[in-house]
């Protein structure tokens, strides 16, 4: 079973070995970004308990992390409906539909992109760029 918990453990062990240092992550500073409510791990065919157990806050490494908080989300500024939906998913306070199992969430149609996802996110600027320039 692959999860973010597995990758954290691998990175921890690898850095300990490379640095010849038994401290967490070989004594190196690790920066992890994101809102934990929005970045729950995906556990293939996992139960709700499996997802919680693979969450970073369930990791034995969690006590060595220092959390810093941003005061304003610049990536989703002005997207109030989207922000509220994400928070509801993170807290589990979204409406439960009879047609879905308890561990599934309905994604509103307005959040689904049926066409060109890259164009939708980046616009024509990225699509029209030269591949050599993108590779730099």
N, C-alpha and C. Protein backbone atom coordinates (compact mmCIF):
# COMPACT_ATOMS: atom_id res chain seq x y z
N UNK A 1 0.85 -1.18 0.00
CA UNK A 1 0.00 0.00 0.00
C UNK A 1 0.90 1.24 0.00
N UNK A 2 0.71 2.12 -0.97
CA UNK A 2 1.48 3.35 -1.06
C UNK A 2 0.71 4.48 -0.40
N UNK A 3 1.38 5.26 0.37
CA UNK A 3 0.74 6.43 0.97
C UNK A 3 1.80 7.48 1.25
N UNK A 4 1.35 8.67 1.63
CA UNK A 4 2.30 9.70 1.97
C UNK A 4 3.08 9.32 3.22
N UNK A 5 2.48 8.49 4.08
CA UNK A 5 3.19 8.01 5.26
C UNK A 5 4.41 7.20 4.85
N UNK A 6 4.26 6.38 3.83
CA UNK A 6 5.38 5.58 3.32
C UNK A 6 6.48 6.48 2.78
N UNK A 7 6.12 7.49 2.01
CA UNK A 7 7.14 8.37 1.44
C UNK A 7 7.84 9.18 2.53
N UNK A 8 7.11 9.62 3.56
CA UNK A 8 7.75 10.34 4.68
C UNK A 8 8.78 9.45 5.35
N UNK A 9 8.42 8.20 5.61
CA UNK A 9 9.35 7.27 6.26
C UNK A 9 10.57 7.03 5.39
N UNK A 10 10.36 6.88 4.08
CA UNK A 10 11.49 6.66 3.17
C UNK A 10 12.43 7.86 3.14
N UNK A 11 11.86 9.05 3.08
CA UNK A 11 12.69 10.27 3.07
C UNK A 11 13.46 10.38 4.38
N UNK A 12 12.79 10.09 5.49
CA UNK A 12 13.45 10.13 6.80
C UNK A 12 14.63 9.16 6.84
N UNK A 13 14.40 7.92 6.45
CA UNK A 13 15.46 6.91 6.48
C UNK A 13 16.60 7.25 5.52
N UNK A 14 16.25 7.72 4.32
CA UNK A 14 17.27 8.07 3.33
C UNK A 14 18.16 9.21 3.82
N UNK A 15 17.56 10.26 4.36
CA UNK A 15 18.36 11.39 4.84
C UNK A 15 19.20 11.01 6.06
N UNK A 16 18.68 10.14 6.92
CA UNK A 16 19.48 9.67 8.05
C UNK A 16 20.73 8.94 7.56
N UNK A 17 20.53 8.10 6.53
CA UNK A 17 21.66 7.34 5.98
C UNK A 17 22.65 8.24 5.26
N UNK A 18 22.15 9.11 4.39
CA UNK A 18 23.03 9.99 3.62
C UNK A 18 23.83 10.92 4.53
N UNK A 19 23.17 11.47 5.55
CA UNK A 19 23.82 12.43 6.44
C UNK A 19 24.56 11.75 7.59
N UNK A 20 24.41 10.43 7.70
CA UNK A 20 25.01 9.70 8.81
C UNK A 20 24.63 10.37 10.14
N UNK A 21 23.33 10.62 10.27
CA UNK A 21 22.81 11.36 11.41
C UNK A 21 21.48 10.72 11.81
N UNK A 22 21.35 10.32 13.07
CA UNK A 22 20.14 9.63 13.53
C UNK A 22 18.98 10.57 13.86
N UNK A 23 19.20 11.87 13.77
CA UNK A 23 18.11 12.82 14.03
C UNK A 23 17.04 12.67 12.95
N UNK A 24 15.79 13.06 13.25
CA UNK A 24 14.75 12.99 12.22
C UNK A 24 15.18 13.71 10.94
N UNK A 25 14.95 13.06 9.81
CA UNK A 25 15.32 13.57 8.49
C UNK A 25 16.82 13.90 8.41
N UNK A 26 17.62 13.16 9.14
CA UNK A 26 19.06 13.35 9.09
C UNK A 26 19.50 14.73 9.56
N UNK A 27 18.66 15.39 10.35
CA UNK A 27 18.99 16.71 10.85
C UNK A 27 18.69 17.83 9.87
N UNK A 28 18.11 17.50 8.74
CA UNK A 28 17.81 18.49 7.70
C UNK A 28 16.42 19.09 7.92
N UNK A 29 16.27 20.33 7.49
CA UNK A 29 14.97 21.00 7.56
C UNK A 29 14.13 20.55 6.38
N UNK A 30 12.92 20.13 6.65
CA UNK A 30 11.98 19.69 5.61
C UNK A 30 10.80 20.66 5.63
N UNK A 31 10.45 21.19 4.46
CA UNK A 31 9.33 22.11 4.35
C UNK A 31 8.19 21.40 3.64
N UNK A 32 7.04 21.38 4.29
CA UNK A 32 5.84 20.78 3.71
C UNK A 32 4.78 21.86 3.68
N UNK A 33 4.18 22.07 2.53
CA UNK A 33 3.19 23.13 2.40
C UNK A 33 1.80 22.59 2.19
N UNK A 34 0.84 23.40 2.53
CA UNK A 34 -0.55 23.05 2.26
C UNK A 34 -1.39 23.04 3.51
N UNK A 35 -2.67 23.00 3.30
CA UNK A 35 -3.64 22.90 4.38
C UNK A 35 -3.93 21.41 4.57
N UNK A 36 -3.67 20.90 5.75
CA UNK A 36 -3.83 19.47 5.98
C UNK A 36 -5.25 18.99 5.72
N UNK A 37 -6.23 19.87 5.89
CA UNK A 37 -7.61 19.49 5.60
C UNK A 37 -7.81 19.27 4.10
N UNK A 38 -7.00 19.91 3.28
CA UNK A 38 -7.15 19.81 1.83
C UNK A 38 -6.25 18.75 1.23
N UNK A 39 -5.34 18.22 2.01
CA UNK A 39 -4.35 17.30 1.46
C UNK A 39 -4.35 15.95 2.16
N UNK A 40 -5.51 15.43 2.42
CA UNK A 40 -5.57 14.10 3.03
C UNK A 40 -4.95 13.08 2.09
N UNK A 41 -4.25 12.11 2.62
CA UNK A 41 -3.60 11.13 1.75
C UNK A 41 -4.61 10.25 1.03
N UNK A 42 -4.25 9.85 -0.17
CA UNK A 42 -5.07 8.91 -0.93
C UNK A 42 -4.55 7.51 -0.64
N UNK A 43 -5.37 6.68 -0.06
CA UNK A 43 -4.99 5.30 0.26
C UNK A 43 -5.85 4.40 -0.61
N UNK A 44 -5.22 3.72 -1.56
CA UNK A 44 -5.95 2.87 -2.50
C UNK A 44 -6.77 1.83 -1.76
N UNK A 45 -8.07 1.87 -1.98
CA UNK A 45 -9.02 0.95 -1.35
C UNK A 45 -8.94 0.97 0.18
N UNK A 46 -8.49 2.10 0.71
CA UNK A 46 -8.38 2.23 2.16
C UNK A 46 -9.67 2.67 2.80
N UNK A 47 -9.82 2.32 4.05
CA UNK A 47 -10.98 2.74 4.81
C UNK A 47 -10.72 4.13 5.39
N UNK A 48 -11.72 4.69 6.03
CA UNK A 48 -11.57 5.98 6.70
C UNK A 48 -10.42 5.91 7.71
N UNK A 49 -10.35 4.81 8.44
CA UNK A 49 -9.29 4.61 9.44
C UNK A 49 -7.92 4.57 8.76
N UNK A 50 -7.80 3.89 7.61
CA UNK A 50 -6.53 3.83 6.89
C UNK A 50 -6.05 5.22 6.49
N UNK A 51 -6.98 6.05 6.04
CA UNK A 51 -6.63 7.42 5.64
C UNK A 51 -6.13 8.21 6.84
N UNK A 52 -6.84 8.12 7.96
CA UNK A 52 -6.43 8.84 9.18
C UNK A 52 -5.06 8.36 9.65
N UNK A 53 -4.83 7.04 9.62
CA UNK A 53 -3.56 6.50 10.08
C UNK A 53 -2.39 6.90 9.20
N UNK A 54 -2.64 7.19 7.92
CA UNK A 54 -1.54 7.59 7.04
C UNK A 54 -1.38 9.11 6.98
N UNK A 55 -2.22 9.83 7.70
CA UNK A 55 -2.14 11.29 7.77
C UNK A 55 -0.86 11.70 8.50
N UNK A 56 -0.28 12.82 8.11
CA UNK A 56 0.98 13.26 8.71
C UNK A 56 0.85 13.46 10.22
N UNK A 57 -0.31 13.87 10.69
CA UNK A 57 -0.48 14.10 12.12
C UNK A 57 -0.48 12.80 12.92
N UNK A 58 -0.63 11.65 12.25
CA UNK A 58 -0.56 10.35 12.92
C UNK A 58 0.85 9.77 12.87
N UNK A 59 1.75 10.45 12.21
CA UNK A 59 3.12 9.97 12.04
C UNK A 59 3.92 10.14 13.34
N UNK A 60 4.81 9.18 13.65
CA UNK A 60 5.68 9.37 14.81
C UNK A 60 6.63 10.56 14.63
N UNK A 61 6.76 11.04 13.39
CA UNK A 61 7.61 12.20 13.12
C UNK A 61 6.89 13.52 13.40
N UNK A 62 5.57 13.50 13.55
CA UNK A 62 4.79 14.73 13.71
C UNK A 62 5.30 15.63 14.84
N UNK A 63 5.68 15.09 16.01
CA UNK A 63 6.13 15.96 17.10
C UNK A 63 7.36 16.81 16.77
N UNK A 64 8.15 16.42 15.77
CA UNK A 64 9.35 17.21 15.45
C UNK A 64 9.07 18.33 14.45
N UNK A 65 7.85 18.41 13.93
CA UNK A 65 7.49 19.47 12.99
C UNK A 65 7.11 20.74 13.74
N UNK A 66 7.42 21.88 13.15
CA UNK A 66 6.96 23.18 13.63
C UNK A 66 6.00 23.72 12.59
N UNK A 67 4.80 24.08 13.02
CA UNK A 67 3.79 24.57 12.08
C UNK A 67 3.80 26.09 12.04
N UNK A 68 3.84 26.62 10.84
CA UNK A 68 3.72 28.05 10.61
C UNK A 68 2.46 28.26 9.80
N UNK A 69 1.70 29.27 10.11
CA UNK A 69 0.44 29.49 9.41
C UNK A 69 0.45 30.79 8.63
N UNK A 70 -0.10 30.73 7.43
CA UNK A 70 -0.30 31.92 6.64
C UNK A 70 -1.62 32.54 7.06
N UNK A 71 -1.74 33.85 6.89
CA UNK A 71 -2.97 34.51 7.31
C UNK A 71 -3.95 34.71 6.17
N UNK A 72 -3.48 34.58 4.93
CA UNK A 72 -4.36 34.77 3.78
C UNK A 72 -3.99 33.79 2.69
N UNK A 73 -4.98 33.11 2.14
CA UNK A 73 -4.75 32.15 1.06
C UNK A 73 -4.73 32.91 -0.26
N UNK A 74 -3.55 33.14 -0.79
CA UNK A 74 -3.42 33.92 -2.02
C UNK A 74 -3.81 33.11 -3.25
N UNK A 75 -3.73 31.80 -3.18
CA UNK A 75 -4.06 30.96 -4.35
C UNK A 75 -5.55 30.94 -4.64
N UNK A 76 -6.37 31.05 -3.62
CA UNK A 76 -7.81 30.94 -3.85
C UNK A 76 -8.56 32.21 -3.44
N UNK A 77 -7.87 33.32 -3.46
CA UNK A 77 -8.47 34.60 -3.10
C UNK A 77 -9.67 34.88 -4.01
N UNK A 78 -10.81 35.19 -3.41
CA UNK A 78 -12.01 35.52 -4.19
C UNK A 78 -12.83 34.31 -4.61
N UNK A 79 -12.42 33.11 -4.22
CA UNK A 79 -13.16 31.90 -4.59
C UNK A 79 -13.88 31.37 -3.35
N UNK A 80 -14.79 32.17 -2.83
CA UNK A 80 -15.43 31.86 -1.55
C UNK A 80 -16.19 30.54 -1.54
N UNK A 81 -16.97 30.26 -2.61
CA UNK A 81 -17.72 28.99 -2.64
C UNK A 81 -16.77 27.80 -2.64
N UNK A 82 -15.72 27.89 -3.43
CA UNK A 82 -14.73 26.81 -3.50
C UNK A 82 -14.03 26.63 -2.15
N UNK A 83 -13.63 27.73 -1.54
CA UNK A 83 -12.95 27.67 -0.24
C UNK A 83 -13.85 27.02 0.81
N UNK A 84 -15.12 27.42 0.84
CA UNK A 84 -16.06 26.86 1.82
C UNK A 84 -16.24 25.36 1.59
N UNK A 85 -16.35 24.95 0.32
CA UNK A 85 -16.51 23.53 0.01
C UNK A 85 -15.29 22.74 0.48
N UNK A 86 -14.07 23.26 0.22
CA UNK A 86 -12.86 22.57 0.66
C UNK A 86 -12.81 22.44 2.18
N UNK A 87 -13.16 23.50 2.89
CA UNK A 87 -13.18 23.43 4.35
C UNK A 87 -14.20 22.41 4.84
N UNK A 88 -15.36 22.35 4.19
CA UNK A 88 -16.37 21.37 4.57
C UNK A 88 -15.88 19.94 4.34
N UNK A 89 -15.16 19.72 3.25
CA UNK A 89 -14.59 18.39 2.99
C UNK A 89 -13.57 18.06 4.08
N UNK A 90 -12.71 19.03 4.40
CA UNK A 90 -11.67 18.80 5.41
C UNK A 90 -12.22 18.51 6.79
N UNK A 91 -13.34 19.13 7.13
CA UNK A 91 -13.92 18.92 8.46
C UNK A 91 -14.99 17.84 8.47
N UNK A 92 -15.34 17.34 7.28
CA UNK A 92 -16.37 16.31 7.19
C UNK A 92 -17.77 16.84 7.39
N UNK A 93 -17.97 18.13 7.17
CA UNK A 93 -19.29 18.73 7.43
C UNK A 93 -20.08 19.02 6.16
N UNK A 94 -19.85 18.25 5.12
CA UNK A 94 -20.61 18.39 3.88
C UNK A 94 -21.85 17.50 3.96
N UNK A 95 -22.89 17.80 3.18
CA UNK A 95 -24.10 16.97 3.23
C UNK A 95 -23.83 15.56 2.70
N UNK A 96 -24.31 14.57 3.41
CA UNK A 96 -24.15 13.18 2.98
C UNK A 96 -25.31 12.78 2.08
N UNK A 97 -24.99 12.26 0.91
CA UNK A 97 -26.01 11.84 -0.05
C UNK A 97 -26.27 10.35 0.09
N UNK A 98 -27.51 9.96 -0.03
CA UNK A 98 -27.87 8.54 0.08
C UNK A 98 -27.25 7.71 -1.03
N UNK A 99 -26.96 8.33 -2.17
CA UNK A 99 -26.42 7.60 -3.31
C UNK A 99 -24.92 7.34 -3.21
N UNK A 100 -24.25 7.96 -2.23
CA UNK A 100 -22.81 7.79 -2.06
C UNK A 100 -22.50 7.10 -0.74
N UNK A 101 -21.41 6.34 -0.71
CA UNK A 101 -21.00 5.74 0.56
C UNK A 101 -20.48 6.85 1.47
N UNK A 102 -20.36 6.56 2.76
CA UNK A 102 -20.01 7.58 3.74
C UNK A 102 -18.63 8.20 3.50
N UNK A 103 -17.74 7.48 2.81
CA UNK A 103 -16.39 8.00 2.60
C UNK A 103 -16.21 8.63 1.22
N UNK A 104 -17.30 8.97 0.57
CA UNK A 104 -17.26 9.63 -0.74
C UNK A 104 -17.84 11.03 -0.63
N UNK A 105 -17.37 11.90 -1.49
CA UNK A 105 -17.82 13.29 -1.51
C UNK A 105 -18.29 13.63 -2.91
N UNK A 106 -19.42 14.32 -3.02
CA UNK A 106 -19.88 14.78 -4.32
C UNK A 106 -19.12 16.04 -4.69
N UNK A 107 -18.52 16.04 -5.88
CA UNK A 107 -17.82 17.22 -6.38
C UNK A 107 -18.82 18.02 -7.21
N UNK A 108 -19.06 19.28 -6.84
CA UNK A 108 -20.01 20.09 -7.60
C UNK A 108 -19.60 20.22 -9.07
N UNK A 109 -20.57 20.22 -9.95
CA UNK A 109 -20.32 20.28 -11.39
C UNK A 109 -19.48 21.49 -11.76
N UNK A 110 -19.66 22.61 -11.06
CA UNK A 110 -18.91 23.83 -11.39
C UNK A 110 -17.41 23.66 -11.13
N UNK A 111 -17.01 22.63 -10.39
CA UNK A 111 -15.60 22.38 -10.09
C UNK A 111 -14.99 21.33 -11.01
N UNK A 112 -15.77 20.84 -11.95
CA UNK A 112 -15.29 19.80 -12.86
C UNK A 112 -14.97 20.44 -14.20
N UNK A 113 -13.77 20.17 -14.71
CA UNK A 113 -13.34 20.70 -16.00
C UNK A 113 -13.40 19.58 -17.02
N UNK A 114 -14.29 19.70 -17.98
CA UNK A 114 -14.46 18.66 -19.00
C UNK A 114 -13.58 18.89 -20.22
N UNK A 115 -13.07 20.09 -20.37
CA UNK A 115 -12.28 20.42 -21.56
C UNK A 115 -10.79 20.32 -21.26
N UNK A 116 -10.03 21.23 -21.76
CA UNK A 116 -8.58 21.23 -21.61
C UNK A 116 -8.19 21.78 -20.24
N UNK A 117 -7.78 20.92 -19.33
CA UNK A 117 -7.46 21.32 -17.96
C UNK A 117 -6.29 22.30 -17.93
N UNK A 118 -5.26 22.06 -18.72
CA UNK A 118 -4.09 22.95 -18.73
C UNK A 118 -4.50 24.34 -19.17
N UNK A 119 -5.31 24.43 -20.22
CA UNK A 119 -5.77 25.74 -20.70
C UNK A 119 -6.64 26.42 -19.65
N UNK A 120 -7.48 25.65 -19.00
CA UNK A 120 -8.37 26.20 -17.97
C UNK A 120 -7.57 26.82 -16.83
N UNK A 121 -6.49 26.18 -16.42
CA UNK A 121 -5.69 26.65 -15.29
C UNK A 121 -4.72 27.76 -15.71
N UNK A 122 -4.00 27.55 -16.81
CA UNK A 122 -2.92 28.47 -17.18
C UNK A 122 -3.25 29.42 -18.31
N UNK A 123 -4.36 29.19 -19.00
CA UNK A 123 -4.71 30.05 -20.12
C UNK A 123 -3.85 29.74 -21.34
N UNK A 124 -3.97 30.57 -22.37
CA UNK A 124 -3.25 30.34 -23.61
C UNK A 124 -1.76 30.58 -23.52
N UNK A 125 -1.30 31.31 -22.52
CA UNK A 125 0.12 31.64 -22.43
C UNK A 125 1.01 30.40 -22.37
N UNK A 126 0.65 29.44 -21.56
CA UNK A 126 1.46 28.24 -21.41
C UNK A 126 1.39 27.36 -22.64
N UNK A 127 0.21 27.22 -23.21
CA UNK A 127 0.03 26.35 -24.37
C UNK A 127 0.80 26.86 -25.57
N UNK A 128 0.88 28.17 -25.72
CA UNK A 128 1.56 28.76 -26.86
C UNK A 128 3.07 28.86 -26.69
N UNK A 129 3.59 28.51 -25.52
CA UNK A 129 5.03 28.64 -25.27
C UNK A 129 5.82 27.55 -25.99
N UNK A 130 7.03 27.88 -26.31
CA UNK A 130 7.97 26.96 -26.93
C UNK A 130 8.43 25.92 -25.89
N UNK A 131 8.49 24.66 -26.28
CA UNK A 131 8.89 23.59 -25.36
C UNK A 131 10.28 23.81 -24.78
N UNK A 132 11.20 24.35 -25.58
CA UNK A 132 12.55 24.64 -25.08
C UNK A 132 12.48 25.63 -23.92
N UNK A 133 11.64 26.63 -24.09
CA UNK A 133 11.50 27.65 -23.05
C UNK A 133 10.87 27.05 -21.79
N UNK A 134 9.89 26.17 -21.96
CA UNK A 134 9.26 25.53 -20.81
C UNK A 134 10.23 24.62 -20.06
N UNK A 135 11.16 24.02 -20.77
CA UNK A 135 12.10 23.08 -20.15
C UNK A 135 13.16 23.77 -19.30
N UNK A 136 13.31 25.07 -19.46
CA UNK A 136 14.35 25.81 -18.70
C UNK A 136 13.94 26.02 -17.28
